[in-house]
Amino acid sequence: MEFYTYRLPNGIRGIHRQVKGAVAHCALVVDAGSRDERTDEYGLAHFTEHAFFKGTQRRRAWQVNCRLENLGGELNAFTTKEDTTIHATTLRSDFPKAAELIADVAFRSVYPDRELEREKEVIADEINTYKDSPADMIYDTFEDMLFAGSELGHNILGRKAALMRYDGDAIRRFTARTHTTDRMVFASIGNIPARQAEAVAMRCFGGEPATERGFARSVPAATEPFRKTVCRHTHQTHCIVGCRACGIGDGRRLPLALVVNILGGPSANSLLNTTIREKHGLSYNIEASYTPYSDAGIVAIYFSSDHHNAARCIELVEEQLHRLRTQPLTARRLSMAKKQFVAQLAISSENNESYMLGAGKSLLVHDEVDTMKEVYAKIRALTAEQLMEAAAETFSGTSRLVWGGE
């Protein structure tokens, strides 16, 4: 049995995998992110993630931060557009302490004013750092445009002016509405028997009252493809070519993921890397990514280049997209692509923490988790026609955002 799943009386679901090793990982995955913010709450989900570490009913901020670090472990968190995750890594023997600390910050944080005001300055600095990185900022700008008018169409960090207005009451209202037990998963992995992991979860999380979400997310409305060039004083031109794509629950997700991996995945022999970097020497950094959300997704091809090479790079990108839409892969190329994709997934699954986080997210969204063998079998069953169909449906109308200027 690869995974052991359970459900606590208050609706929190759990998933555990027992593996050999001295280290244990655990995380509380909450189905609430920047997408669930109201228009006057932009940036609040991310601010809430930071505020979790600023003190609880039982601990001061320094006690939260030192609880696991004094034992050689660590506690951290991150926010995405659709979820917030609090995660910890410890020695196996300290797993109960890690679970208890996660429960404490998730359910008993007090958000003291002095600590929040200090943290606002930290986040403001984070926003400034982000603005100084065009390679990061262009992604959010492109996604804002692609999902214009949707809850997905604003960045996670928010704006400094709005951030300064938020206080503990704003956080409590947001978490009461979005951090409900029916939308939580406690995931764990380590050399701990499954029943023992469930008992720890029950002891740490089972006493919380059951809560249910009272709203539903709106499906993003369709948007027209766009072409936009922005003059910015950067050393290079930065560009994203991309489009809307299918969501997590769509049957086309796996063939599209393979197509994107062939196009511009991490391997040096990806189509874009071999064409634009190796053959023509036009760009040092070019990549393609596919980000699926619960009911939509985005494929983004990013590159940076000298200003005078940008137009040629775009032309070559569009040529590769056209080829994937109209020409099926040869049997040899398809077989190689499948083997490469399976190997990448197998290697990434060796990272127990990322494997646990993926399983927790899958249980949160699908209420089930495919084993790696099941995933590999699905990949091996894909046909060249399925890949070409996924490419044709996705890349039929791409959008483009270019940042550059002398």
Protein backbone atom coordinates (compact mmCIF):
# COMPACT_ATOMS: atom_id res chain seq x y z
CA MET A 1 0.00 0.00 0.00
CA GLU A 2 1.61 3.26 -1.15
CA PHE A 3 -0.72 5.62 0.75
CA TYR A 4 -2.85 5.40 3.86
CA THR A 5 -5.78 7.82 3.97
CA TYR A 6 -8.16 8.73 6.75
CA ARG A 7 -10.67 11.39 7.76
CA LEU A 8 -10.97 13.07 11.15
CA PRO A 9 -14.42 13.70 12.72
CA ASN A 10 -14.24 17.42 11.84
CA GLY A 11 -13.72 16.70 8.12
CA ILE A 12 -9.96 17.18 7.89
CA ARG A 13 -8.57 14.50 5.61
CA GLY A 14 -5.23 12.82 6.14
CA ILE A 15 -2.74 10.98 3.98
CA HIS A 16 0.41 9.17 5.10
CA ARG A 17 3.16 7.14 3.51
CA GLN A 18 5.61 5.10 5.54
CA VAL A 19 9.15 5.14 4.16
CA LYS A 20 12.51 4.25 5.60
CA GLY A 21 14.71 7.03 6.92
CA ALA A 22 15.46 9.18 9.94
CA VAL A 23 13.57 12.25 8.66
CA ALA A 24 9.82 12.93 8.68
CA HIS A 25 7.87 15.59 6.79
CA CYS A 26 4.34 16.81 7.43
CA ALA A 27 2.12 19.59 6.15
CA LEU A 28 -1.32 21.09 6.50
CA VAL A 29 -2.60 21.92 3.01
CA VAL A 30 -5.50 24.38 2.99
CA ASP A 31 -7.64 24.92 -0.10
CA ALA A 32 -7.46 28.72 0.18
CA GLY A 33 -5.21 31.13 -1.67
CA SER A 34 -5.14 34.51 -3.36
CA ARG A 35 -7.93 33.38 -5.68
CA ASP A 36 -10.29 33.38 -2.70
CA GLU A 37 -9.64 37.01 -1.76
CA ARG A 38 -12.35 39.59 -2.27
CA THR A 39 -11.49 42.74 -4.21
CA ASP A 40 -10.64 44.59 -0.99
CA GLU A 41 -8.45 41.72 0.24
CA TYR A 42 -5.76 41.39 -2.43
CA GLY A 43 -2.56 40.16 -0.79
CA LEU A 44 -4.36 39.06 2.38
CA ALA A 45 -3.87 35.30 1.87
CA HIS A 46 -0.10 35.82 1.64
CA PHE A 47 -0.13 38.20 4.63
CA THR A 48 -2.04 35.55 6.60
CA GLU A 49 0.67 32.99 5.84
CA HIS A 50 3.28 35.32 7.34
CA ALA A 51 1.05 36.18 10.30
CA PHE A 52 0.77 32.51 11.31
CA PHE A 53 4.32 32.71 12.67
CA LYS A 54 3.80 35.81 14.84
CA GLY A 55 2.48 34.17 17.98
CA THR A 56 -0.27 31.86 19.21
CA GLN A 57 -2.33 31.47 22.36
CA ARG A 58 0.46 29.23 23.68
CA ARG A 59 3.62 30.70 22.16
CA ARG A 60 5.31 34.00 21.44
CA ALA A 61 6.69 34.58 17.93
CA TRP A 62 10.23 33.58 18.90
CA GLN A 63 8.93 30.38 20.49
CA VAL A 64 7.11 29.46 17.26
CA ASN A 65 10.26 30.01 15.23
CA CYS A 66 12.56 28.17 17.64
CA ARG A 67 10.34 25.22 18.52
CA LEU A 68 11.61 22.98 15.71
CA GLU A 69 14.83 24.80 14.84
CA ASN A 70 16.20 24.06 18.32
CA LEU A 71 15.70 20.39 17.44
CA GLY A 72 17.43 20.73 14.06
CA GLY A 73 14.16 20.83 12.13
CA GLU A 74 12.33 23.59 10.29
CA LEU A 75 8.89 25.12 9.90
CA ASN A 76 7.83 27.03 6.82
CA ALA A 77 4.82 27.97 4.68
CA PHE A 78 3.90 29.15 1.21
CA THR A 79 0.87 30.60 -0.57
CA THR A 80 -0.30 29.96 -4.12
CA LYS A 81 -3.35 31.17 -6.00
CA GLU A 82 -5.42 28.24 -4.73
CA ASP A 83 -3.85 26.93 -1.53
CA THR A 84 -1.86 27.76 1.60
CA THR A 85 0.54 25.18 3.02
CA ILE A 86 2.25 25.06 6.41
CA HIS A 87 4.95 22.39 6.40
CA ALA A 88 7.63 21.03 8.72
CA THR A 89 10.66 18.77 8.53
CA THR A 90 12.05 17.02 11.62
CA LEU A 91 13.69 13.87 12.83
CA ARG A 92 11.22 11.00 12.94
CA SER A 93 11.11 11.12 16.75
CA ASP A 94 10.00 14.77 16.67
CA PHE A 95 7.11 14.22 14.25
CA PRO A 96 4.42 14.69 16.99
CA LYS A 97 5.97 18.04 17.95
CA ALA A 98 5.92 19.19 14.34
CA ALA A 99 2.26 18.23 13.90
CA GLU A 100 1.32 19.97 17.17
CA LEU A 101 3.14 23.16 16.13
CA ILE A 102 1.41 23.23 12.73
CA ALA A 103 -1.97 22.84 14.44
CA ASP A 104 -1.08 25.60 16.89
CA VAL A 105 -0.20 28.19 14.24
CA ALA A 106 -3.08 27.16 11.96
CA PHE A 107 -5.83 27.31 14.58
CA ARG A 108 -4.59 29.36 17.55
CA SER A 109 -2.61 32.25 16.07
CA VAL A 110 -3.41 35.58 17.75
CA TYR A 111 -1.94 38.07 15.23
CA PRO A 112 -0.49 40.67 17.67
CA ASP A 113 -0.55 44.20 16.25
CA ARG A 114 3.11 44.99 16.94
CA GLU A 115 4.29 41.83 15.20
CA LEU A 116 1.97 42.40 12.23
CA GLU A 117 3.21 45.95 11.71
CA ARG A 118 6.80 44.73 11.70
CA GLU A 119 5.94 41.95 9.24
CA LYS A 120 4.30 44.40 6.86
CA GLU A 121 7.72 45.98 6.33
CA VAL A 122 9.19 42.56 5.57
CA ILE A 123 6.51 41.87 2.95
CA ALA A 124 6.91 45.36 1.49
CA ASP A 125 10.59 44.54 0.99
CA GLU A 126 9.55 41.24 -0.61
CA ILE A 127 7.33 43.17 -3.04
CA ASN A 128 10.21 45.53 -3.89
CA THR A 129 12.54 42.58 -4.50
CA TYR A 130 9.95 41.03 -6.79
CA LYS A 131 9.60 44.30 -8.74
CA ASP A 132 13.35 44.32 -9.31
CA SER A 133 13.13 40.94 -11.08
CA PRO A 134 11.51 41.28 -14.53
CA ALA A 135 11.87 37.52 -15.08
CA ASP A 136 9.51 36.98 -12.14
CA MET A 137 7.23 39.97 -12.54
CA ILE A 138 6.41 39.33 -16.21
CA TYR A 139 4.81 35.99 -15.28
CA ASP A 140 2.31 37.63 -12.94
CA THR A 141 1.61 40.47 -15.35
CA PHE A 142 0.95 37.99 -18.15
CA GLU A 143 -1.34 35.89 -15.94
CA ASP A 144 -3.21 39.01 -14.80
CA MET A 145 -3.94 39.81 -18.43
CA LEU A 146 -4.78 36.24 -19.39
CA PHE A 147 -7.31 35.93 -16.53
CA ALA A 148 -8.53 39.53 -16.61
CA GLY A 149 -11.77 39.94 -14.66
CA SER A 150 -11.27 36.68 -12.76
CA GLU A 151 -10.20 35.96 -9.20
CA LEU A 152 -7.11 34.36 -10.76
CA GLY A 153 -6.21 37.69 -12.34
CA HIS A 154 -4.18 39.35 -9.59
CA ASN A 155 -0.80 38.57 -8.08
CA ILE A 156 -0.31 36.81 -4.76
CA LEU A 157 1.76 39.48 -2.98
CA GLY A 158 -0.75 42.30 -3.48
CA ARG A 159 0.09 45.98 -3.23
CA LYS A 160 1.86 47.80 -0.42
CA ALA A 161 -0.93 50.36 0.05
CA ALA A 162 -3.53 47.62 0.64
CA LEU A 163 -1.13 45.63 2.83
CA MET A 164 -0.77 48.53 5.26
CA ARG A 165 -4.55 48.51 5.92
CA TYR A 166 -4.77 44.89 7.06
CA ASP A 167 -4.92 43.94 10.73
CA GLY A 168 -5.68 40.92 12.89
CA ASP A 169 -9.44 41.30 12.43
CA ALA A 170 -9.06 41.22 8.62
CA ILE A 171 -7.05 38.00 8.91
CA ARG A 172 -9.61 36.41 11.25
CA ARG A 173 -12.45 37.25 8.87
CA PHE A 174 -10.52 35.82 5.93
CA THR A 175 -9.54 32.57 7.65
CA ALA A 176 -13.04 32.07 9.10
CA ARG A 177 -14.45 32.24 5.57
CA THR A 178 -11.77 30.28 3.71
CA HIS A 179 -9.76 28.06 6.11
CA THR A 180 -12.51 25.54 6.79
CA THR A 181 -11.89 21.98 7.95
CA ASP A 182 -13.72 20.47 4.99
CA ARG A 183 -11.01 21.98 2.74
CA MET A 184 -7.92 20.81 4.65
CA VAL A 185 -5.54 17.86 4.31
CA PHE A 186 -2.83 16.83 6.75
CA ALA A 187 -0.12 15.03 4.79
CA SER A 188 2.84 13.17 6.26
CA ILE A 189 5.68 10.91 5.19
CA GLY A 190 8.35 9.14 7.22
CA ASN A 191 9.23 5.92 8.99
CA ILE A 192 6.12 6.07 11.14
CA PRO A 193 3.37 3.42 11.16
CA ALA A 194 0.21 4.66 9.48
CA ARG A 195 -2.03 4.17 12.52
CA GLN A 196 0.45 6.08 14.64
CA ALA A 197 0.48 8.98 12.16
CA GLU A 198 -3.33 9.05 12.22
CA ALA A 199 -3.32 9.04 16.04
CA VAL A 200 -0.96 12.03 16.08
CA ALA A 201 -3.19 13.87 13.61
CA MET A 202 -6.25 13.08 15.69
CA ARG A 203 -4.60 14.35 18.84
CA CYS A 204 -3.38 17.59 17.21
CA PHE A 205 -6.21 18.42 14.80
CA GLY A 206 -9.21 16.30 15.80
CA GLY A 207 -10.39 18.62 18.55
CA GLU A 208 -11.01 21.55 16.21
CA PRO A 209 -14.68 22.26 15.45
CA ALA A 210 -15.98 21.23 12.05
CA THR A 211 -16.46 24.09 9.58
CA GLU A 212 -17.66 24.17 5.97
CA ARG A 213 -17.01 26.55 3.11
CA GLY A 214 -19.97 28.73 2.25
CA PHE A 215 -18.94 29.94 -1.20
CA ALA A 216 -17.91 28.53 -4.57
CA ARG A 217 -15.19 29.73 -6.91
CA SER A 218 -16.29 31.26 -10.21
CA VAL A 219 -15.02 29.72 -13.43
CA PRO A 220 -12.83 32.27 -15.27
CA ALA A 221 -14.56 33.80 -18.27
CA ALA A 222 -12.94 33.46 -21.67
CA THR A 223 -10.58 36.22 -22.83
CA GLU A 224 -9.39 37.18 -26.28
CA PRO A 225 -5.74 36.55 -27.26
CA PHE A 226 -3.59 39.67 -26.99
CA ARG A 227 -0.26 41.05 -28.17
CA LYS A 228 1.34 43.67 -25.94
CA THR A 229 4.77 45.27 -25.92
CA VAL A 230 5.89 47.38 -22.97
CA CYS A 231 8.97 49.61 -23.09
CA ARG A 232 11.10 48.94 -20.02
CA HIS A 233 14.69 49.91 -19.40
CA THR A 234 16.07 46.42 -19.00
CA HIS A 235 19.37 44.99 -20.24
CA GLN A 236 17.46 42.30 -22.13
CA THR A 237 14.05 41.80 -23.66
CA HIS A 238 11.83 39.50 -21.61
CA CYS A 239 8.94 37.73 -23.31
CA ILE A 240 6.14 35.30 -22.53
CA VAL A 241 4.16 33.50 -25.21
CA GLY A 242 1.28 31.55 -23.70
CA CYS A 243 -2.37 30.70 -23.45
CA ARG A 244 -5.16 29.39 -21.26
CA ALA A 245 -5.16 25.64 -20.73
CA CYS A 246 -7.19 22.86 -19.13
CA GLY A 247 -7.48 22.48 -15.35
CA ILE A 248 -6.49 19.79 -12.88
CA GLY A 249 -9.55 17.61 -13.37
CA ASP A 250 -9.47 17.63 -17.17
CA GLY A 251 -8.57 14.40 -18.97
CA ARG A 252 -6.34 16.36 -21.34
CA ARG A 253 -4.04 17.44 -18.52
CA LEU A 254 -1.58 14.55 -18.78
CA PRO A 255 -1.05 14.69 -22.57
CA LEU A 256 -0.66 18.46 -22.33
CA ALA A 257 1.89 18.10 -19.53
CA LEU A 258 3.91 15.77 -21.75
CA VAL A 259 3.66 18.16 -24.69
CA VAL A 260 4.93 21.05 -22.57
CA ASN A 261 7.76 18.89 -21.24
CA ILE A 262 8.79 18.04 -24.80
CA LEU A 263 8.53 21.69 -25.78
CA GLY A 264 10.50 23.35 -23.01
CA GLY A 265 10.91 21.13 -19.98
CA PRO A 266 14.03 20.93 -17.78
CA SER A 267 16.04 18.72 -20.13
CA ALA A 268 18.67 20.20 -22.41
CA ASN A 269 17.15 18.36 -25.41
CA SER A 270 13.78 20.12 -25.18
CA LEU A 271 12.62 21.51 -28.52
CA LEU A 272 12.97 25.15 -27.52
CA ASN A 273 16.37 24.71 -25.92
CA THR A 274 17.86 22.81 -28.85
CA THR A 275 16.37 25.20 -31.41
CA ILE A 276 16.75 28.63 -29.85
CA ARG A 277 19.75 28.18 -27.57
CA GLU A 278 21.85 25.40 -29.05
CA LYS A 279 21.20 25.79 -32.80
CA HIS A 280 20.80 29.56 -33.09
CA GLY A 281 22.44 30.86 -29.89
CA LEU A 282 19.72 33.46 -29.36
CA SER A 283 18.84 32.97 -25.69
CA TYR A 284 20.55 31.70 -22.56
CA ASN A 285 17.28 30.99 -20.76
CA ILE A 286 14.15 29.62 -22.42
CA GLU A 287 11.57 27.39 -20.76
CA ALA A 288 7.96 26.26 -20.92
CA SER A 289 5.65 25.55 -18.00
CA TYR A 290 2.13 24.30 -17.46
CA THR A 291 0.28 25.39 -14.31
CA PRO A 292 -3.12 23.73 -13.84
CA TYR A 293 -5.69 25.22 -11.47
CA SER A 294 -8.90 23.57 -10.32
CA ASP A 295 -10.93 24.77 -13.31
CA ALA A 296 -8.42 26.38 -15.67
CA GLY A 297 -4.72 26.47 -16.40
CA ILE A 298 -1.94 28.35 -18.12
CA VAL A 299 0.89 27.38 -20.44
CA ALA A 300 3.70 29.93 -20.49
CA ILE A 301 6.83 29.97 -22.64
CA TYR A 302 9.38 32.41 -21.26
CA PHE A 303 12.66 33.62 -22.68
CA SER A 304 15.07 36.51 -22.34
CA SER A 305 17.37 37.66 -25.12
CA ASP A 306 19.23 40.62 -26.52
CA HIS A 307 16.77 43.20 -27.80
CA HIS A 308 17.60 42.61 -31.47
CA ASN A 309 17.08 38.83 -31.14
CA ALA A 310 13.60 38.89 -29.54
CA ALA A 311 11.57 38.93 -32.76
CA ARG A 312 13.49 35.96 -34.16
CA CYS A 313 13.00 34.04 -30.90
CA ILE A 314 9.24 34.62 -31.06
CA GLU A 315 9.19 33.43 -34.66
CA LEU A 316 11.00 30.21 -33.72
CA VAL A 317 8.69 29.59 -30.75
CA GLU A 318 5.63 29.92 -32.97
CA GLU A 319 7.18 27.52 -35.49
CA GLN A 320 7.59 24.87 -32.80
CA LEU A 321 4.01 25.37 -31.60
CA HIS A 322 2.72 25.01 -35.15
CA ARG A 323 4.70 21.81 -35.64
CA LEU A 324 3.31 20.28 -32.43
CA ARG A 325 -0.24 21.19 -33.52
CA THR A 326 0.02 19.77 -37.00
CA GLN A 327 2.62 16.97 -37.05
CA PRO A 328 2.38 13.86 -34.86
CA LEU A 329 5.56 12.73 -33.15
CA THR A 330 7.40 9.80 -34.67
CA ALA A 331 7.22 6.53 -32.73
CA ARG A 332 10.86 6.91 -31.72
CA ARG A 333 10.45 10.53 -30.54
CA LEU A 334 7.28 9.68 -28.63
CA SER A 335 8.91 6.69 -26.91
CA MET A 336 11.90 8.80 -25.90
CA ALA A 337 9.66 11.60 -24.61
CA LYS A 338 7.65 9.19 -22.47
CA LYS A 339 10.76 7.58 -20.99
CA GLN A 340 12.20 10.99 -20.21
CA PHE A 341 8.99 12.20 -18.54
CA VAL A 342 8.62 9.03 -16.47
CA ALA A 343 12.24 9.26 -15.36
CA GLN A 344 11.83 12.91 -14.34
CA LEU A 345 8.79 12.03 -12.24
CA ALA A 346 10.58 9.06 -10.68
CA ILE A 347 13.56 11.19 -9.74
CA SER A 348 11.39 13.96 -8.28
CA SER A 349 9.45 11.39 -6.23
CA GLU A 350 12.71 10.56 -4.44
CA ASN A 351 12.34 13.93 -2.72
CA ASN A 352 10.04 12.85 0.08
CA GLU A 353 8.89 16.35 0.97
CA SER A 354 7.79 17.31 -2.55
CA TYR A 355 6.23 13.87 -2.98
CA MET A 356 4.22 14.37 0.23
CA LEU A 357 3.10 17.85 -0.80
CA GLY A 358 1.95 16.55 -4.19
CA ALA A 359 -0.01 13.72 -2.59
CA GLY A 360 -1.64 16.12 -0.15
CA LYS A 361 -2.67 18.47 -2.95
CA SER A 362 -4.05 15.56 -4.99
CA LEU A 363 -6.15 14.34 -2.07
CA LEU A 364 -7.38 17.88 -1.46
CA VAL A 365 -8.52 18.34 -5.06
CA HIS A 366 -9.47 14.83 -6.23
CA ASP A 367 -10.11 13.08 -2.89
CA GLU A 368 -7.81 10.33 -4.18
CA VAL A 369 -4.17 9.85 -5.15
CA ASP A 370 -2.77 7.85 -8.04
CA THR A 371 0.24 5.71 -7.22
CA MET A 372 3.39 6.38 -9.21
CA LYS A 373 2.89 3.06 -11.04
CA GLU A 374 -0.58 4.21 -12.12
CA VAL A 375 0.81 7.54 -13.32
CA TYR A 376 3.59 5.81 -15.27
CA ALA A 377 1.05 3.48 -16.91
CA LYS A 378 -1.08 6.43 -18.02
CA ILE A 379 1.95 8.16 -19.54
CA ARG A 380 3.04 5.05 -21.42
CA ALA A 381 -0.47 4.67 -22.86
CA LEU A 382 -0.50 8.13 -24.46
CA THR A 383 -0.53 8.27 -28.25
CA ALA A 384 0.96 10.73 -30.71
CA GLU A 385 -2.57 11.67 -31.77
CA GLN A 386 -3.54 12.56 -28.19
CA LEU A 387 -0.51 14.82 -27.86
CA MET A 388 -1.18 16.54 -31.18
CA GLU A 389 -4.83 17.03 -30.21
CA ALA A 390 -3.86 18.54 -26.85
CA ALA A 391 -1.42 20.89 -28.59
CA ALA A 392 -3.99 21.89 -31.22
CA GLU A 393 -6.65 22.67 -28.62
CA THR A 394 -4.28 24.60 -26.37
CA PHE A 395 -2.06 26.52 -28.79
CA SER A 396 -4.73 27.58 -31.28
CA GLY A 397 -4.68 31.16 -30.04
CA THR A 398 -1.61 32.29 -28.12
CA SER A 399 -1.09 35.61 -26.37
CA ARG A 400 2.17 37.51 -26.05
CA LEU A 401 3.72 39.96 -23.62
CA VAL A 402 7.08 41.57 -24.40
CA TRP A 403 9.09 43.74 -22.02
CA GLY A 404 12.07 45.48 -23.54
CA GLY A 405 13.77 48.66 -24.54
CA GLU A 406 17.18 50.13 -25.06
